Amino acid sequence: MAEVPDLETTVAKVGLPLRIDVGQMAGADAAGLRALQRLRGRGACLIGASPYIGLLLEEPAGEAEGEPEKQ
């Protein structure tokens, strides 16, 4: 969650479309997953995801953390 504003600021500076290498991610909280899902929905390409991170990115953010998804 703490890194989401930095990610969004960087993406705003660089612009989309963008390739984001998530190959070194070991995990992410619900806020981070939602941010990555939003970016992907806007055209960013997430590359290098491990099978675990890939599964987390496919389900609604929050469910993996045991939190209800916020609308």
PDB file of N, CA and C in Angstrom:
ATOM      1  N   MET A   1       0.818  -1.188   0.000  1.00  0.00           N
ATOM      2  CA  MET A   1       0.000   0.000   0.000  1.00  0.00           C
ATOM      3  C   MET A   1       0.864   1.256   0.000  1.00  0.00           C
ATOM      4  N   ALA A   2       1.975   1.198   0.699  1.00  0.00           N
ATOM      5  CA  ALA A   2       2.834   2.377   0.795  1.00  0.00           C
ATOM      6  C   ALA A   2       3.457   2.755  -0.542  1.00  0.00           C
ATOM      7  N   GLU A   3       3.661   1.769  -1.424  1.00  0.00           N
ATOM      8  CA  GLU A   3       4.314   2.029  -2.696  1.00  0.00           C
ATOM      9  C   GLU A   3       3.347   2.416  -3.810  1.00  0.00           C
ATOM     10  N   VAL A   4       2.034   2.270  -3.593  1.00  0.00           N
ATOM     11  CA  VAL A   4       1.051   2.545  -4.644  1.00  0.00           C
ATOM     12  C   VAL A   4       1.137   3.979  -5.146  1.00  0.00           C
ATOM     13  N   PRO A   5       1.212   5.002  -4.274  1.00  0.00           N
ATOM     14  CA  PRO A   5       1.316   6.368  -4.796  1.00  0.00           C
ATOM     15  C   PRO A   5       2.569   6.575  -5.666  1.00  0.00           C
ATOM     16  N   ASP A   6       3.693   5.964  -5.289  1.00  0.00           N
ATOM     17  CA  ASP A   6       4.914   6.076  -6.093  1.00  0.00           C
ATOM     18  C   ASP A   6       4.725   5.425  -7.460  1.00  0.00           C
ATOM     19  N   LEU A   7       4.084   4.263  -7.474  1.00  0.00           N
ATOM     20  CA  LEU A   7       3.808   3.572  -8.730  1.00  0.00           C
ATOM     21  C   LEU A   7       2.924   4.434  -9.619  1.00  0.00           C
ATOM     22  N   GLU A   8       1.851   4.976  -9.066  1.00  0.00           N
ATOM     23  CA  GLU A   8       0.924   5.782  -9.855  1.00  0.00           C
ATOM     24  C   GLU A   8       1.580   7.067 -10.353  1.00  0.00           C
ATOM     25  N   THR A   9       2.435   7.684  -9.547  1.00  0.00           N
ATOM     26  CA  THR A   9       3.156   8.883  -9.973  1.00  0.00           C
ATOM     27  C   THR A   9       4.099   8.565 -11.123  1.00  0.00           C
ATOM     28  N   THR A  10       4.821   7.461 -11.017  1.00  0.00           N
ATOM     29  CA  THR A  10       5.755   7.057 -12.069  1.00  0.00           C
ATOM     30  C   THR A  10       5.014   6.764 -13.368  1.00  0.00           C
ATOM     31  N   VAL A  11       3.911   6.049 -13.280  1.00  0.00           N
ATOM     32  CA  VAL A  11       3.130   5.727 -14.481  1.00  0.00           C
ATOM     33  C   VAL A  11       2.578   6.998 -15.110  1.00  0.00           C
ATOM     34  N   ALA A  12       2.142   7.948 -14.295  1.00  0.00           N
ATOM     35  CA  ALA A  12       1.630   9.214 -14.824  1.00  0.00           C
ATOM     36  C   ALA A  12       2.716   9.968 -15.589  1.00  0.00           C
ATOM     37  N   LYS A  13       3.956   9.904 -15.106  1.00  0.00           N
ATOM     38  CA  LYS A  13       5.070  10.578 -15.785  1.00  0.00           C
ATOM     39  C   LYS A  13       5.435   9.886 -17.090  1.00  0.00           C
ATOM     40  N   VAL A  14       5.461   8.548 -17.070  1.00  0.00           N
ATOM     41  CA  VAL A  14       5.882   7.765 -18.233  1.00  0.00           C
ATOM     42  C   VAL A  14       4.753   7.645 -19.243  1.00  0.00           C
ATOM     43  N   GLY A  15       3.557   7.441 -18.756  1.00  0.00           N
ATOM     44  CA  GLY A  15       2.390   7.272 -19.609  1.00  0.00           C
ATOM     45  C   GLY A  15       2.166   5.821 -19.997  1.00  0.00           C
ATOM     46  N   LEU A  16       1.006   5.591 -20.581  1.00  0.00           N
ATOM     47  CA  LEU A  16       0.630   4.261 -21.038  1.00  0.00           C
ATOM     48  C   LEU A  16       0.599   4.254 -22.557  1.00  0.00           C
ATOM     49  N   PRO A  17       0.781   3.154 -23.233  1.00  0.00           N
ATOM     50  CA  PRO A  17       0.961   1.816 -22.694  1.00  0.00           C
ATOM     51  C   PRO A  17       2.339   1.642 -22.071  1.00  0.00           C
ATOM     52  N   LEU A  18       2.434   0.700 -21.188  1.00  0.00           N
ATOM     53  CA  LEU A  18       3.646   0.490 -20.410  1.00  0.00           C
ATOM     54  C   LEU A  18       3.788  -0.993 -20.109  1.00  0.00           C
ATOM     55  N   ARG A  19       5.021  -1.466 -20.103  1.00  0.00           N
ATOM     56  CA  ARG A  19       5.306  -2.848 -19.681  1.00  0.00           C
ATOM     57  C   ARG A  19       5.892  -2.785 -18.286  1.00  0.00           C
ATOM     58  N   ILE A  20       5.259  -3.490 -17.354  1.00  0.00           N
ATOM     59  CA  ILE A  20       5.702  -3.512 -15.961  1.00  0.00           C
ATOM     60  C   ILE A  20       6.162  -4.924 -15.637  1.00  0.00           C
ATOM     61  N   ASP A  21       7.429  -5.062 -15.299  1.00  0.00           N
ATOM     62  CA  ASP A  21       7.993  -6.366 -14.956  1.00  0.00           C
ATOM     63  C   ASP A  21       7.737  -6.632 -13.475  1.00  0.00           C
ATOM     64  N   VAL A  22       6.896  -7.620 -13.213  1.00  0.00           N
ATOM     65  CA  VAL A  22       6.564  -7.985 -11.833  1.00  0.00           C
ATOM     66  C   VAL A  22       7.261  -9.293 -11.438  1.00  0.00           C
ATOM     67  N   GLY A  23       8.305  -9.644 -12.161  1.00  0.00           N
ATOM     68  CA  GLY A  23       9.006 -10.891 -11.941  1.00  0.00           C
ATOM     69  C   GLY A  23       9.653 -11.021 -10.573  1.00  0.00           C
ATOM     70  N   GLN A  24       9.969  -9.933  -9.925  1.00  0.00           N
ATOM     71  CA  GLN A  24      10.611  -9.982  -8.613  1.00  0.00           C
ATOM     72  C   GLN A  24       9.617  -9.839  -7.465  1.00  0.00           C
ATOM     73  N   MET A  25       8.328  -9.725  -7.790  1.00  0.00           N
ATOM     74  CA  MET A  25       7.309  -9.605  -6.731  1.00  0.00           C
ATOM     75  C   MET A  25       7.115 -10.936  -6.032  1.00  0.00           C
ATOM     76  N   ALA A  26       7.182 -10.919  -4.711  1.00  0.00           N
ATOM     77  CA  ALA A  26       6.920 -12.123  -3.928  1.00  0.00           C
ATOM     78  C   ALA A  26       5.489 -12.120  -3.407  1.00  0.00           C
ATOM     79  N   GLY A  27       4.883 -10.945  -3.328  1.00  0.00           N
ATOM     80  CA  GLY A  27       3.524 -10.812  -2.828  1.00  0.00           C
ATOM     81  C   GLY A  27       3.088  -9.362  -2.936  1.00  0.00           C
ATOM     82  N   ALA A  28       1.823  -9.128  -2.652  1.00  0.00           N
ATOM     83  CA  ALA A  28       1.290  -7.771  -2.693  1.00  0.00           C
ATOM     84  C   ALA A  28       0.045  -7.723  -1.821  1.00  0.00           C
ATOM     85  N   ASP A  29      -0.185  -6.572  -1.208  1.00  0.00           N
ATOM     86  CA  ASP A  29      -1.411  -6.415  -0.435  1.00  0.00           C
ATOM     87  C   ASP A  29      -2.555  -6.068  -1.390  1.00  0.00           C
ATOM     88  N   ALA A  30      -3.757  -5.987  -0.856  1.00  0.00           N
ATOM     89  CA  ALA A  30      -4.944  -5.748  -1.682  1.00  0.00           C
ATOM     90  C   ALA A  30      -4.839  -4.426  -2.437  1.00  0.00           C
ATOM     91  N   ALA A  31      -4.295  -3.380  -1.806  1.00  0.00           N
ATOM     92  CA  ALA A  31      -4.167  -2.077  -2.471  1.00  0.00           C
ATOM     93  C   ALA A  31      -3.203  -2.172  -3.651  1.00  0.00           C
ATOM     94  N   GLY A  32      -2.112  -2.882  -3.476  1.00  0.00           N
ATOM     95  CA  GLY A  32      -1.155  -3.056  -4.566  1.00  0.00           C
ATOM     96  C   GLY A  32      -1.737  -3.862  -5.704  1.00  0.00           C
ATOM     97  N   LEU A  33      -2.475  -4.922  -5.381  1.00  0.00           N
ATOM     98  CA  LEU A  33      -3.113  -5.728  -6.425  1.00  0.00           C
ATOM     99  C   LEU A  33      -4.140  -4.913  -7.189  1.00  0.00           C
ATOM    100  N   ARG A  34      -4.955  -4.127  -6.477  1.00  0.00           N
ATOM    101  CA  ARG A  34      -5.942  -3.280  -7.159  1.00  0.00           C
ATOM    102  C   ARG A  34      -5.256  -2.288  -8.078  1.00  0.00           C
ATOM    103  N   ALA A  35      -4.145  -1.698  -7.637  1.00  0.00           N
ATOM    104  CA  ALA A  35      -3.426  -0.737  -8.475  1.00  0.00           C
ATOM    105  C   ALA A  35      -2.906  -1.406  -9.741  1.00  0.00           C
ATOM    106  N   LEU A  36      -2.322  -2.588  -9.612  1.00  0.00           N
ATOM    107  CA  LEU A  36      -1.821  -3.299 -10.791  1.00  0.00           C
ATOM    108  C   LEU A  36      -2.964  -3.715 -11.711  1.00  0.00           C
ATOM    109  N   GLN A  37      -4.072  -4.146 -11.139  1.00  0.00           N
ATOM    110  CA  GLN A  37      -5.229  -4.522 -11.952  1.00  0.00           C
ATOM    111  C   GLN A  37      -5.783  -3.304 -12.703  1.00  0.00           C
ATOM    112  N   ARG A  38      -5.829  -2.151 -12.048  1.00  0.00           N
ATOM    113  CA  ARG A  38      -6.293  -0.918 -12.719  1.00  0.00           C
ATOM    114  C   ARG A  38      -5.372  -0.563 -13.869  1.00  0.00           C
ATOM    115  N   LEU A  39      -4.062  -0.636 -13.627  1.00  0.00           N
ATOM    116  CA  LEU A  39      -3.103  -0.310 -14.685  1.00  0.00           C
ATOM    117  C   LEU A  39      -3.241  -1.272 -15.856  1.00  0.00           C
ATOM    118  N   ARG A  40      -3.388  -2.541 -15.562  1.00  0.00           N
ATOM    119  CA  ARG A  40      -3.573  -3.527 -16.628  1.00  0.00           C
ATOM    120  C   ARG A  40      -4.857  -3.222 -17.408  1.00  0.00           C
ATOM    121  N   GLY A  41      -5.903  -2.851 -16.706  1.00  0.00           N
ATOM    122  CA  GLY A  41      -7.164  -2.502 -17.347  1.00  0.00           C
ATOM    123  C   GLY A  41      -7.056  -1.276 -18.234  1.00  0.00           C
ATOM    124  N   ARG A  42      -6.096  -0.398 -17.939  1.00  0.00           N
ATOM    125  CA  ARG A  42      -5.886   0.806 -18.737  1.00  0.00           C
ATOM    126  C   ARG A  42      -4.866   0.587 -19.853  1.00  0.00           C
ATOM    127  N   GLY A  43      -4.343  -0.645 -19.970  1.00  0.00           N
ATOM    128  CA  GLY A  43      -3.458  -0.930 -21.083  1.00  0.00           C
ATOM    129  C   GLY A  43      -2.036  -1.307 -20.730  1.00  0.00           C
ATOM    130  N   ALA A  44      -1.678  -1.298 -19.454  1.00  0.00           N
ATOM    131  CA  ALA A  44      -0.332  -1.713 -19.069  1.00  0.00           C
ATOM    132  C   ALA A  44      -0.202  -3.223 -19.244  1.00  0.00           C
ATOM    133  N   CYS A  45       0.971  -3.665 -19.644  1.00  0.00           N
ATOM    134  CA  CYS A  45       1.254  -5.087 -19.803  1.00  0.00           C
ATOM    135  C   CYS A  45       2.111  -5.519 -18.608  1.00  0.00           C
ATOM    136  N   LEU A  46       1.605  -6.459 -17.822  1.00  0.00           N
ATOM    137  CA  LEU A  46       2.345  -6.972 -16.671  1.00  0.00           C
ATOM    138  C   LEU A  46       3.072  -8.230 -17.129  1.00  0.00           C
ATOM    139  N   ILE A  47       4.392  -8.214 -17.042  1.00  0.00           N
ATOM    140  CA  ILE A  47       5.187  -9.339 -17.529  1.00  0.00           C
ATOM    141  C   ILE A  47       5.968  -9.985 -16.390  1.00  0.00           C
ATOM    142  N   GLY A  48       6.322 -11.257 -16.583  1.00  0.00           N
ATOM    143  CA  GLY A  48       7.207 -11.966 -15.665  1.00  0.00           C
ATOM    144  C   GLY A  48       6.560 -12.433 -14.381  1.00  0.00           C
ATOM    145  N   ALA A  49       5.246 -12.401 -14.290  1.00  0.00           N
ATOM    146  CA  ALA A  49       4.587 -12.788 -13.044  1.00  0.00           C
ATOM    147  C   ALA A  49       4.788 -14.279 -12.770  1.00  0.00           C
ATOM    148  N   SER A  50       5.099 -14.588 -11.530  1.00  0.00           N
ATOM    149  CA  SER A  50       5.156 -15.995 -11.119  1.00  0.00           C
ATOM    150  C   SER A  50       3.738 -16.552 -11.168  1.00  0.00           C
ATOM    151  N   PRO A  51       3.590 -17.873 -11.164  1.00  0.00           N
ATOM    152  CA  PRO A  51       2.234 -18.436 -11.133  1.00  0.00           C
ATOM    153  C   PRO A  51       1.413 -17.912  -9.946  1.00  0.00           C
ATOM    154  N   TYR A  52       2.042 -17.749  -8.797  1.00  0.00           N
ATOM    155  CA  TYR A  52       1.346 -17.243  -7.616  1.00  0.00           C
ATOM    156  C   TYR A  52       0.845 -15.816  -7.833  1.00  0.00           C
ATOM    157  N   ILE A  53       1.720 -14.936  -8.295  1.00  0.00           N
ATOM    158  CA  ILE A  53       1.324 -13.545  -8.532  1.00  0.00           C
ATOM    159  C   ILE A  53       0.286 -13.490  -9.643  1.00  0.00           C
ATOM    160  N   GLY A  54       0.434 -14.309 -10.660  1.00  0.00           N
ATOM    161  CA  GLY A  54      -0.555 -14.364 -11.734  1.00  0.00           C
ATOM    162  C   GLY A  54      -1.939 -14.697 -11.204  1.00  0.00           C
ATOM    163  N   LEU A  55      -2.018 -15.659 -10.290  1.00  0.00           N
ATOM    164  CA  LEU A  55      -3.309 -16.012  -9.686  1.00  0.00           C
ATOM    165  C   LEU A  55      -3.871 -14.862  -8.853  1.00  0.00           C
ATOM    166  N   LEU A  56      -3.008 -14.209  -8.093  1.00  0.00           N
ATOM    167  CA  LEU A  56      -3.472 -13.072  -7.295  1.00  0.00           C
ATOM    168  C   LEU A  56      -4.025 -11.964  -8.174  1.00  0.00           C
ATOM    169  N   LEU A  57      -3.386 -11.737  -9.312  1.00  0.00           N
ATOM    170  CA  LEU A  57      -3.826 -10.670 -10.212  1.00  0.00           C
ATOM    171  C   LEU A  57      -5.120 -11.018 -10.931  1.00  0.00           C
ATOM    172  N   GLU A  58      -5.445 -12.294 -11.021  1.00  0.00           N
ATOM    173  CA  GLU A  58      -6.657 -12.708 -11.724  1.00  0.00           C
ATOM    174  C   GLU A  58      -7.904 -12.647 -10.852  1.00  0.00           C
ATOM    175  N   GLU A  59      -7.745 -12.739  -9.542  1.00  0.00           N
ATOM    176  CA  GLU A  59      -8.931 -12.703  -8.690  1.00  0.00           C
ATOM    177  C   GLU A  59      -9.154 -11.294  -8.182  1.00  0.00           C
ATOM    178  N   PRO A  60     -10.391 -10.989  -7.787  1.00  0.00           N
ATOM    179  CA  PRO A  60     -10.653  -9.641  -7.273  1.00  0.00           C
ATOM    180  C   PRO A  60      -9.737  -9.335  -6.090  1.00  0.00           C
ATOM    181  N   ALA A  61      -9.076  -8.189  -6.131  1.00  0.00           N
ATOM    182  CA  ALA A  61      -8.149  -7.797  -5.070  1.00  0.00           C
ATOM    183  C   ALA A  61      -8.886  -7.752  -3.741  1.00  0.00           C
ATOM    184  N   GLY A  62      -8.294  -8.326  -2.735  1.00  0.00           N
ATOM    185  CA  GLY A  62      -8.887  -8.356  -1.411  1.00  0.00           C
ATOM    186  C   GLY A  62      -9.304  -9.757  -1.034  1.00  0.00           C
ATOM    187  N   GLU A  63      -9.791 -10.551  -1.994  1.00  0.00           N
ATOM    188  CA  GLU A  63     -10.224 -11.899  -1.662  1.00  0.00           C
ATOM    189  C   GLU A  63      -9.067 -12.755  -1.183  1.00  0.00           C
ATOM    190  N   ALA A  64      -7.885 -12.586  -1.790  1.00  0.00           N
ATOM    191  CA  ALA A  64      -6.727 -13.371  -1.376  1.00  0.00           C
ATOM    192  C   ALA A  64      -6.275 -12.954   0.017  1.00  0.00           C
ATOM    193  N   GLU A  65      -6.561 -11.718   0.386  1.00  0.00           N
ATOM    194  CA  GLU A  65      -6.148 -11.212   1.684  1.00  0.00           C
ATOM    195  C   GLU A  65      -7.227 -11.435   2.738  1.00  0.00           C
ATOM    196  N   GLY A  66      -8.386 -11.968   2.335  1.00  0.00           N
ATOM    197  CA  GLY A  66      -9.465 -12.167   3.267  1.00  0.00           C
ATOM    198  C   GLY A  66     -10.272 -10.902   3.517  1.00  0.00           C
ATOM    199  N   GLU A  67     -10.126  -9.901   2.645  1.00  0.00           N
ATOM    200  CA  GLU A  67     -10.848  -8.648   2.782  1.00  0.00           C
ATOM    201  C   GLU A  67     -11.958  -8.602   1.735  1.00  0.00           C
ATOM    202  N   PRO A  68     -13.064  -7.969   2.046  1.00  0.00           N
ATOM    203  CA  PRO A  68     -14.091  -7.791   1.027  1.00  0.00           C
ATOM    204  C   PRO A  68     -13.606  -6.809  -0.022  1.00  0.00           C
ATOM    205  N   GLU A  69     -13.980  -7.046  -1.275  1.00  0.00           N
ATOM    206  CA  GLU A  69     -13.594  -6.127  -2.350  1.00  0.00           C
ATOM    207  C   GLU A  69     -14.388  -4.835  -2.200  1.00  0.00           C
ATOM    208  N   LYS A  70     -13.708  -3.710  -2.319  1.00  0.00           N
ATOM    209  CA  LYS A  70     -14.368  -2.409  -2.225  1.00  0.00           C
ATOM    210  C   LYS A  70     -14.839  -2.007  -3.609  1.00  0.00           C
ATOM    211  N   GLN A  71     -16.052  -1.497  -3.666  1.00  0.00           N
ATOM    212  CA  GLN A  71     -16.633  -1.068  -4.950  1.00  0.00           C
ATOM    213  C   GLN A  71     -16.346   0.383  -5.185  1.00  0.00           C
TER     214      GLN A  71
END
